[in-house]
Amino acid sequence: MSEPELTCKEVVELVNDYLSAVMPAADRPRFADHLAECPGCSTYLEQMKTTIELTGQLREDELGDDIKRDLLEAFRRWKKSL
């Protein structure tokens, strides 16, 4: 039995693990499958890559809870508008 598809929320929560290369190998195909089917999440991933390049490094433990919450809420609002 195959694993269920990832939701956009799950992808957003896993982006840091993916970019930091700490995502378990077993989860990477589900992540890639979602990106292949979801232009919004693909764009989000590219934006995060650009942000990391411009700022040097993004570490989740350095972000305050309020910033994480604001970023997730902004993404959710944007995703609803599609």
PDB file of N, CA and C in Angstrom:
ATOM      1  N   MET A   1       0.849  -1.186   0.000  1.00  0.00           N
ATOM      2  CA  MET A   1       0.000   0.000   0.000  1.00  0.00           C
ATOM      3  C   MET A   1       0.889   1.241   0.000  1.00  0.00           C
ATOM      4  N   SER A   2       0.619   2.158  -0.897  1.00  0.00           N
ATOM      5  CA  SER A   2       1.435   3.361  -0.992  1.00  0.00           C
ATOM      6  C   SER A   2       1.000   4.395   0.052  1.00  0.00           C
ATOM      7  N   GLU A   3       1.919   5.275   0.355  1.00  0.00           N
ATOM      8  CA  GLU A   3       1.657   6.346   1.316  1.00  0.00           C
ATOM      9  C   GLU A   3       0.686   7.349   0.704  1.00  0.00           C
ATOM     10  N   PRO A   4      -0.144   7.999   1.526  1.00  0.00           N
ATOM     11  CA  PRO A   4      -1.039   9.027   0.984  1.00  0.00           C
ATOM     12  C   PRO A   4      -0.244  10.222   0.471  1.00  0.00           C
ATOM     13  N   GLU A   5      -0.842  10.939  -0.465  1.00  0.00           N
ATOM     14  CA  GLU A   5      -0.191  12.124  -1.001  1.00  0.00           C
ATOM     15  C   GLU A   5      -0.037  13.182   0.088  1.00  0.00           C
ATOM     16  N   LEU A   6       0.996  13.975  -0.042  1.00  0.00           N
ATOM     17  CA  LEU A   6       1.208  15.078   0.894  1.00  0.00           C
ATOM     18  C   LEU A   6       0.254  16.222   0.566  1.00  0.00           C
ATOM     19  N   THR A   7      -0.159  16.942   1.584  1.00  0.00           N
ATOM     20  CA  THR A   7      -0.958  18.150   1.393  1.00  0.00           C
ATOM     21  C   THR A   7      -0.016  19.338   1.244  1.00  0.00           C
ATOM     22  N   CYS A   8      -0.550  20.443   0.788  1.00  0.00           N
ATOM     23  CA  CYS A   8       0.258  21.673   0.678  1.00  0.00           C
ATOM     24  C   CYS A   8       0.813  22.069   2.045  1.00  0.00           C
ATOM     25  N   LYS A   9       0.013  21.940   3.069  1.00  0.00           N
ATOM     26  CA  LYS A   9       0.466  22.292   4.426  1.00  0.00           C
ATOM     27  C   LYS A   9       1.658  21.425   4.820  1.00  0.00           C
ATOM     28  N   GLU A  10       1.578  20.140   4.534  1.00  0.00           N
ATOM     29  CA  GLU A  10       2.683  19.247   4.875  1.00  0.00           C
ATOM     30  C   GLU A  10       3.937  19.606   4.089  1.00  0.00           C
ATOM     31  N   VAL A  11       3.771  19.956   2.826  1.00  0.00           N
ATOM     32  CA  VAL A  11       4.918  20.340   2.004  1.00  0.00           C
ATOM     33  C   VAL A  11       5.587  21.582   2.588  1.00  0.00           C
ATOM     34  N   VAL A  12       4.794  22.580   2.953  1.00  0.00           N
ATOM     35  CA  VAL A  12       5.337  23.804   3.539  1.00  0.00           C
ATOM     36  C   VAL A  12       6.119  23.474   4.815  1.00  0.00           C
ATOM     37  N   GLU A  13       5.573  22.575   5.611  1.00  0.00           N
ATOM     38  CA  GLU A  13       6.241  22.203   6.860  1.00  0.00           C
ATOM     39  C   GLU A  13       7.520  21.404   6.621  1.00  0.00           C
ATOM     40  N   LEU A  14       7.622  20.739   5.476  1.00  0.00           N
ATOM     41  CA  LEU A  14       8.785  19.894   5.173  1.00  0.00           C
ATOM     42  C   LEU A  14       9.845  20.575   4.319  1.00  0.00           C
ATOM     43  N   VAL A  15       9.565  21.765   3.825  1.00  0.00           N
ATOM     44  CA  VAL A  15      10.511  22.437   2.915  1.00  0.00           C
ATOM     45  C   VAL A  15      11.892  22.578   3.544  1.00  0.00           C
ATOM     46  N   ASN A  16      11.966  22.966   4.785  1.00  0.00           N
ATOM     47  CA  ASN A  16      13.265  23.152   5.422  1.00  0.00           C
ATOM     48  C   ASN A  16      14.038  21.837   5.480  1.00  0.00           C
ATOM     49  N   ASP A  17      13.348  20.740   5.827  1.00  0.00           N
ATOM     50  CA  ASP A  17      14.014  19.434   5.853  1.00  0.00           C
ATOM     51  C   ASP A  17      14.521  19.056   4.462  1.00  0.00           C
ATOM     52  N   TYR A  18      13.715  19.340   3.458  1.00  0.00           N
ATOM     53  CA  TYR A  18      14.093  19.043   2.073  1.00  0.00           C
ATOM     54  C   TYR A  18      15.333  19.842   1.670  1.00  0.00           C
ATOM     55  N   LEU A  19      15.298  21.140   1.925  1.00  0.00           N
ATOM     56  CA  LEU A  19      16.411  21.998   1.526  1.00  0.00           C
ATOM     57  C   LEU A  19      17.668  21.747   2.349  1.00  0.00           C
ATOM     58  N   SER A  20      17.493  21.281   3.571  1.00  0.00           N
ATOM     59  CA  SER A  20      18.638  20.991   4.440  1.00  0.00           C
ATOM     60  C   SER A  20      19.156  19.573   4.244  1.00  0.00           C
ATOM     61  N   ALA A  21      18.531  18.820   3.349  1.00  0.00           N
ATOM     62  CA  ALA A  21      18.915  17.438   3.042  1.00  0.00           C
ATOM     63  C   ALA A  21      18.837  16.522   4.261  1.00  0.00           C
ATOM     64  N   VAL A  22      17.865  16.771   5.126  1.00  0.00           N
ATOM     65  CA  VAL A  22      17.651  15.891   6.273  1.00  0.00           C
ATOM     66  C   VAL A  22      16.331  15.123   6.155  1.00  0.00           C
ATOM     67  N   MET A  23      15.610  15.354   5.062  1.00  0.00           N
ATOM     68  CA  MET A  23      14.368  14.619   4.842  1.00  0.00           C
ATOM     69  C   MET A  23      14.706  13.152   4.588  1.00  0.00           C
ATOM     70  N   PRO A  24      14.014  12.240   5.269  1.00  0.00           N
ATOM     71  CA  PRO A  24      14.274  10.821   5.019  1.00  0.00           C
ATOM     72  C   PRO A  24      14.071  10.479   3.539  1.00  0.00           C
ATOM     73  N   ALA A  25      14.933   9.632   3.023  1.00  0.00           N
ATOM     74  CA  ALA A  25      14.887   9.256   1.606  1.00  0.00           C
ATOM     75  C   ALA A  25      13.523   8.698   1.221  1.00  0.00           C
ATOM     76  N   ALA A  26      12.866   8.012   2.127  1.00  0.00           N
ATOM     77  CA  ALA A  26      11.557   7.426   1.836  1.00  0.00           C
ATOM     78  C   ALA A  26      10.489   8.492   1.602  1.00  0.00           C
ATOM     79  N   ASP A  27      10.668   9.692   2.162  1.00  0.00           N
ATOM     80  CA  ASP A  27       9.678  10.766   2.016  1.00  0.00           C
ATOM     81  C   ASP A  27       9.907  11.620   0.770  1.00  0.00           C
ATOM     82  N   ARG A  28      11.091  11.587   0.215  1.00  0.00           N
ATOM     83  CA  ARG A  28      11.426  12.452  -0.914  1.00  0.00           C
ATOM     84  C   ARG A  28      10.557  12.212  -2.153  1.00  0.00           C
ATOM     85  N   PRO A  29      10.229  10.968  -2.509  1.00  0.00           N
ATOM     86  CA  PRO A  29       9.366  10.783  -3.689  1.00  0.00           C
ATOM     87  C   PRO A  29       7.980  11.406  -3.515  1.00  0.00           C
ATOM     88  N   ARG A  30       7.391  11.293  -2.330  1.00  0.00           N
ATOM     89  CA  ARG A  30       6.081  11.905  -2.089  1.00  0.00           C
ATOM     90  C   ARG A  30       6.177  13.419  -2.200  1.00  0.00           C
ATOM     91  N   PHE A  31       7.260  13.974  -1.684  1.00  0.00           N
ATOM     92  CA  PHE A  31       7.484  15.418  -1.750  1.00  0.00           C
ATOM     93  C   PHE A  31       7.609  15.843  -3.212  1.00  0.00           C
ATOM     94  N   ALA A  32       8.433  15.128  -3.968  1.00  0.00           N
ATOM     95  CA  ALA A  32       8.637  15.451  -5.386  1.00  0.00           C
ATOM     96  C   ALA A  32       7.345  15.283  -6.187  1.00  0.00           C
ATOM     97  N   ASP A  33       6.580  14.241  -5.880  1.00  0.00           N
ATOM     98  CA  ASP A  33       5.299  14.020  -6.576  1.00  0.00           C
ATOM     99  C   ASP A  33       4.356  15.198  -6.355  1.00  0.00           C
ATOM    100  N   HIS A  34       4.300  15.693  -5.122  1.00  0.00           N
ATOM    101  CA  HIS A  34       3.426  16.828  -4.837  1.00  0.00           C
ATOM    102  C   HIS A  34       3.883  18.058  -5.620  1.00  0.00           C
ATOM    103  N   LEU A  35       5.189  18.310  -5.615  1.00  0.00           N
ATOM    104  CA  LEU A  35       5.713  19.474  -6.343  1.00  0.00           C
ATOM    105  C   LEU A  35       5.411  19.385  -7.836  1.00  0.00           C
ATOM    106  N   ALA A  36       5.462  18.178  -8.376  1.00  0.00           N
ATOM    107  CA  ALA A  36       5.199  17.998  -9.800  1.00  0.00           C
ATOM    108  C   ALA A  36       3.750  18.325 -10.157  1.00  0.00           C
ATOM    109  N   GLU A  37       2.861  18.205  -9.200  1.00  0.00           N
ATOM    110  CA  GLU A  37       1.435  18.428  -9.455  1.00  0.00           C
ATOM    111  C   GLU A  37       0.912  19.760  -8.918  1.00  0.00           C
ATOM    112  N   CYS A  38       1.731  20.469  -8.137  1.00  0.00           N
ATOM    113  CA  CYS A  38       1.235  21.678  -7.463  1.00  0.00           C
ATOM    114  C   CYS A  38       2.116  22.884  -7.790  1.00  0.00           C
ATOM    115  N   PRO A  39       1.670  23.724  -8.716  1.00  0.00           N
ATOM    116  CA  PRO A  39       2.470  24.900  -9.069  1.00  0.00           C
ATOM    117  C   PRO A  39       2.688  25.842  -7.884  1.00  0.00           C
ATOM    118  N   GLY A  40       1.719  25.933  -6.995  1.00  0.00           N
ATOM    119  CA  GLY A  40       1.855  26.817  -5.833  1.00  0.00           C
ATOM    120  C   GLY A  40       2.995  26.393  -4.926  1.00  0.00           C
ATOM    121  N   CYS A  41       3.072  25.110  -4.642  1.00  0.00           N
ATOM    122  CA  CYS A  41       4.146  24.615  -3.779  1.00  0.00           C
ATOM    123  C   CYS A  41       5.496  24.667  -4.484  1.00  0.00           C
ATOM    124  N   SER A  42       5.499  24.436  -5.789  1.00  0.00           N
ATOM    125  CA  SER A  42       6.750  24.556  -6.550  1.00  0.00           C
ATOM    126  C   SER A  42       7.267  25.987  -6.496  1.00  0.00           C
ATOM    127  N   THR A  43       6.362  26.943  -6.633  1.00  0.00           N
ATOM    128  CA  THR A  43       6.739  28.352  -6.540  1.00  0.00           C
ATOM    129  C   THR A  43       7.242  28.681  -5.144  1.00  0.00           C
ATOM    130  N   TYR A  44       6.558  28.160  -4.136  1.00  0.00           N
ATOM    131  CA  TYR A  44       6.973  28.387  -2.750  1.00  0.00           C
ATOM    132  C   TYR A  44       8.389  27.851  -2.525  1.00  0.00           C
ATOM    133  N   LEU A  45       8.664  26.652  -3.008  1.00  0.00           N
ATOM    134  CA  LEU A  45       9.996  26.073  -2.857  1.00  0.00           C
ATOM    135  C   LEU A  45      11.041  26.953  -3.530  1.00  0.00           C
ATOM    136  N   GLU A  46      10.757  27.429  -4.732  1.00  0.00           N
ATOM    137  CA  GLU A  46      11.699  28.305  -5.431  1.00  0.00           C
ATOM    138  C   GLU A  46      11.914  29.611  -4.674  1.00  0.00           C
ATOM    139  N   GLN A  47      10.846  30.146  -4.090  1.00  0.00           N
ATOM    140  CA  GLN A  47      10.974  31.371  -3.298  1.00  0.00           C
ATOM    141  C   GLN A  47      11.851  31.131  -2.072  1.00  0.00           C
ATOM    142  N   MET A  48      11.697  29.980  -1.451  1.00  0.00           N
ATOM    143  CA  MET A  48      12.520  29.664  -0.281  1.00  0.00           C
ATOM    144  C   MET A  48      13.985  29.503  -0.687  1.00  0.00           C
ATOM    145  N   LYS A  49      14.235  28.861  -1.824  1.00  0.00           N
ATOM    146  CA  LYS A  49      15.605  28.724  -2.312  1.00  0.00           C
ATOM    147  C   LYS A  49      16.225  30.097  -2.555  1.00  0.00           C
ATOM    148  N   THR A  50      15.460  30.988  -3.163  1.00  0.00           N
ATOM    149  CA  THR A  50      15.944  32.343  -3.425  1.00  0.00           C
ATOM    150  C   THR A  50      16.220  33.079  -2.122  1.00  0.00           C
ATOM    151  N   THR A  51      15.318  32.949  -1.179  1.00  0.00           N
ATOM    152  CA  THR A  51      15.492  33.597   0.126  1.00  0.00           C
ATOM    153  C   THR A  51      16.765  33.108   0.799  1.00  0.00           C
ATOM    154  N   ILE A  52      16.994  31.813   0.762  1.00  0.00           N
ATOM    155  CA  ILE A  52      18.194  31.245   1.377  1.00  0.00           C
ATOM    156  C   ILE A  52      19.446  31.763   0.674  1.00  0.00           C
ATOM    157  N   GLU A  53      19.413  31.806  -0.635  1.00  0.00           N
ATOM    158  CA  GLU A  53      20.562  32.321  -1.378  1.00  0.00           C
ATOM    159  C   GLU A  53      20.845  33.773  -1.003  1.00  0.00           C
ATOM    160  N   LEU A  54      19.793  34.558  -0.859  1.00  0.00           N
ATOM    161  CA  LEU A  54      19.967  35.981  -0.570  1.00  0.00           C
ATOM    162  C   LEU A  54      20.354  36.257   0.877  1.00  0.00           C
ATOM    163  N   THR A  55      19.927  35.414   1.780  1.00  0.00           N
ATOM    164  CA  THR A  55      20.213  35.650   3.195  1.00  0.00           C
ATOM    165  C   THR A  55      21.356  34.804   3.717  1.00  0.00           C
ATOM    166  N   GLY A  56      21.820  33.878   2.937  1.00  0.00           N
ATOM    167  CA  GLY A  56      22.926  33.039   3.371  1.00  0.00           C
ATOM    168  C   GLY A  56      22.477  31.683   3.857  1.00  0.00           C
ATOM    169  N   GLN A  57      21.615  31.654   4.847  1.00  0.00           N
ATOM    170  CA  GLN A  57      21.156  30.382   5.384  1.00  0.00           C
ATOM    171  C   GLN A  57      19.872  30.599   6.161  1.00  0.00           C
ATOM    172  N   LEU A  58      18.951  29.689   6.003  1.00  0.00           N
ATOM    173  CA  LEU A  58      17.700  29.736   6.735  1.00  0.00           C
ATOM    174  C   LEU A  58      17.675  28.565   7.692  1.00  0.00           C
ATOM    175  N   ARG A  59      17.601  28.875   8.965  1.00  0.00           N
ATOM    176  CA  ARG A  59      17.523  27.827   9.978  1.00  0.00           C
ATOM    177  C   ARG A  59      16.223  28.012  10.746  1.00  0.00           C
ATOM    178  N   GLU A  60      15.420  26.968  10.742  1.00  0.00           N
ATOM    179  CA  GLU A  60      14.112  27.039  11.378  1.00  0.00           C
ATOM    180  C   GLU A  60      14.217  27.411  12.849  1.00  0.00           C
ATOM    181  N   ASP A  61      15.238  26.907  13.537  1.00  0.00           N
ATOM    182  CA  ASP A  61      15.362  27.186  14.970  1.00  0.00           C
ATOM    183  C   ASP A  61      15.705  28.649  15.252  1.00  0.00           C
ATOM    184  N   GLU A  62      16.077  29.396  14.224  1.00  0.00           N
ATOM    185  CA  GLU A  62      16.365  30.817  14.404  1.00  0.00           C
ATOM    186  C   GLU A  62      15.136  31.695  14.180  1.00  0.00           C
ATOM    187  N   LEU A  63      14.065  31.112  13.635  1.00  0.00           N
ATOM    188  CA  LEU A  63      12.834  31.862  13.397  1.00  0.00           C
ATOM    189  C   LEU A  63      11.941  31.783  14.622  1.00  0.00           C
ATOM    190  N   GLY A  64      11.402  32.917  15.006  1.00  0.00           N
ATOM    191  CA  GLY A  64      10.457  32.927  16.111  1.00  0.00           C
ATOM    192  C   GLY A  64       9.130  32.312  15.699  1.00  0.00           C
ATOM    193  N   ASP A  65       8.382  31.844  16.676  1.00  0.00           N
ATOM    194  CA  ASP A  65       7.084  31.235  16.388  1.00  0.00           C
ATOM    195  C   ASP A  65       6.163  32.190  15.649  1.00  0.00           C
ATOM    196  N   ASP A  66       6.214  33.483  15.986  1.00  0.00           N
ATOM    197  CA  ASP A  66       5.346  34.452  15.325  1.00  0.00           C
ATOM    198  C   ASP A  66       5.699  34.596  13.840  1.00  0.00           C
ATOM    199  N   ILE A  67       6.982  34.534  13.512  1.00  0.00           N
ATOM    200  CA  ILE A  67       7.395  34.623  12.107  1.00  0.00           C
ATOM    201  C   ILE A  67       6.961  33.370  11.347  1.00  0.00           C
ATOM    202  N   LYS A  68       7.155  32.199  11.950  1.00  0.00           N
ATOM    203  CA  LYS A  68       6.715  30.952  11.309  1.00  0.00           C
ATOM    204  C   LYS A  68       5.212  30.995  11.053  1.00  0.00           C
ATOM    205  N   ARG A  69       4.466  31.421  12.053  1.00  0.00           N
ATOM    206  CA  ARG A  69       3.007  31.500  11.931  1.00  0.00           C
ATOM    207  C   ARG A  69       2.616  32.477  10.829  1.00  0.00           C
ATOM    208  N   ASP A  70       3.260  33.642  10.787  1.00  0.00           N
ATOM    209  CA  ASP A  70       2.950  34.643   9.759  1.00  0.00           C
ATOM    210  C   ASP A  70       3.271  34.129   8.353  1.00  0.00           C
ATOM    211  N   LEU A  71       4.407  33.440   8.201  1.00  0.00           N
ATOM    212  CA  LEU A  71       4.767  32.901   6.897  1.00  0.00           C
ATOM    213  C   LEU A  71       3.781  31.830   6.438  1.00  0.00           C
ATOM    214  N   LEU A  72       3.407  30.940   7.338  1.00  0.00           N
ATOM    215  CA  LEU A  72       2.431  29.905   6.981  1.00  0.00           C
ATOM    216  C   LEU A  72       1.084  30.519   6.637  1.00  0.00           C
ATOM    217  N   GLU A  73       0.663  31.516   7.382  1.00  0.00           N
ATOM    218  CA  GLU A  73      -0.627  32.169   7.113  1.00  0.00           C
ATOM    219  C   GLU A  73      -0.593  32.900   5.767  1.00  0.00           C
ATOM    220  N   ALA A  74       0.514  33.564   5.465  1.00  0.00           N
ATOM    221  CA  ALA A  74       0.635  34.245   4.172  1.00  0.00           C
ATOM    222  C   ALA A  74       0.564  33.227   3.033  1.00  0.00           C
ATOM    223  N   PHE A  75       1.220  32.091   3.201  1.00  0.00           N
ATOM    224  CA  PHE A  75       1.162  31.061   2.168  1.00  0.00           C
ATOM    225  C   PHE A  75      -0.262  30.521   2.023  1.00  0.00           C
ATOM    226  N   ARG A  76      -0.936  30.289   3.129  1.00  0.00           N
ATOM    227  CA  ARG A  76      -2.313  29.773   3.060  1.00  0.00           C
ATOM    228  C   ARG A  76      -3.233  30.759   2.341  1.00  0.00           C
ATOM    229  N   ARG A  77      -3.097  32.047   2.645  1.00  0.00           N
ATOM    230  CA  ARG A  77      -3.927  33.066   1.972  1.00  0.00           C
ATOM    231  C   ARG A  77      -3.636  33.066   0.475  1.00  0.00           C
ATOM    232  N   TRP A  78      -2.345  32.999   0.133  1.00  0.00           N
ATOM    233  CA  TRP A  78      -1.958  32.995  -1.263  1.00  0.00           C
ATOM    234  C   TRP A  78      -2.503  31.748  -1.950  1.00  0.00           C
ATOM    235  N   LYS A  79      -2.401  30.590  -1.307  1.00  0.00           N
ATOM    236  CA  LYS A  79      -2.854  29.338  -1.903  1.00  0.00           C
ATOM    237  C   LYS A  79      -4.364  29.376  -2.148  1.00  0.00           C
ATOM    238  N   LYS A  80      -5.135  29.965  -1.231  1.00  0.00           N
ATOM    239  CA  LYS A  80      -6.589  30.067  -1.394  1.00  0.00           C
ATOM    240  C   LYS A  80      -6.965  30.945  -2.574  1.00  0.00           C
ATOM    241  N   SER A  81      -6.094  31.902  -2.900  1.00  0.00           N
ATOM    242  CA  SER A  81      -6.400  32.843  -3.974  1.00  0.00           C
ATOM    243  C   SER A  81      -6.175  32.237  -5.353  1.00  0.00           C
ATOM    244  N   LEU A  82      -5.559  31.078  -5.428  1.00  0.00           N
ATOM    245  CA  LEU A  82      -5.292  30.445  -6.735  1.00  0.00           C
ATOM    246  C   LEU A  82      -6.541  29.891  -7.367  1.00  0.00           C
TER     247      LEU A  82
END
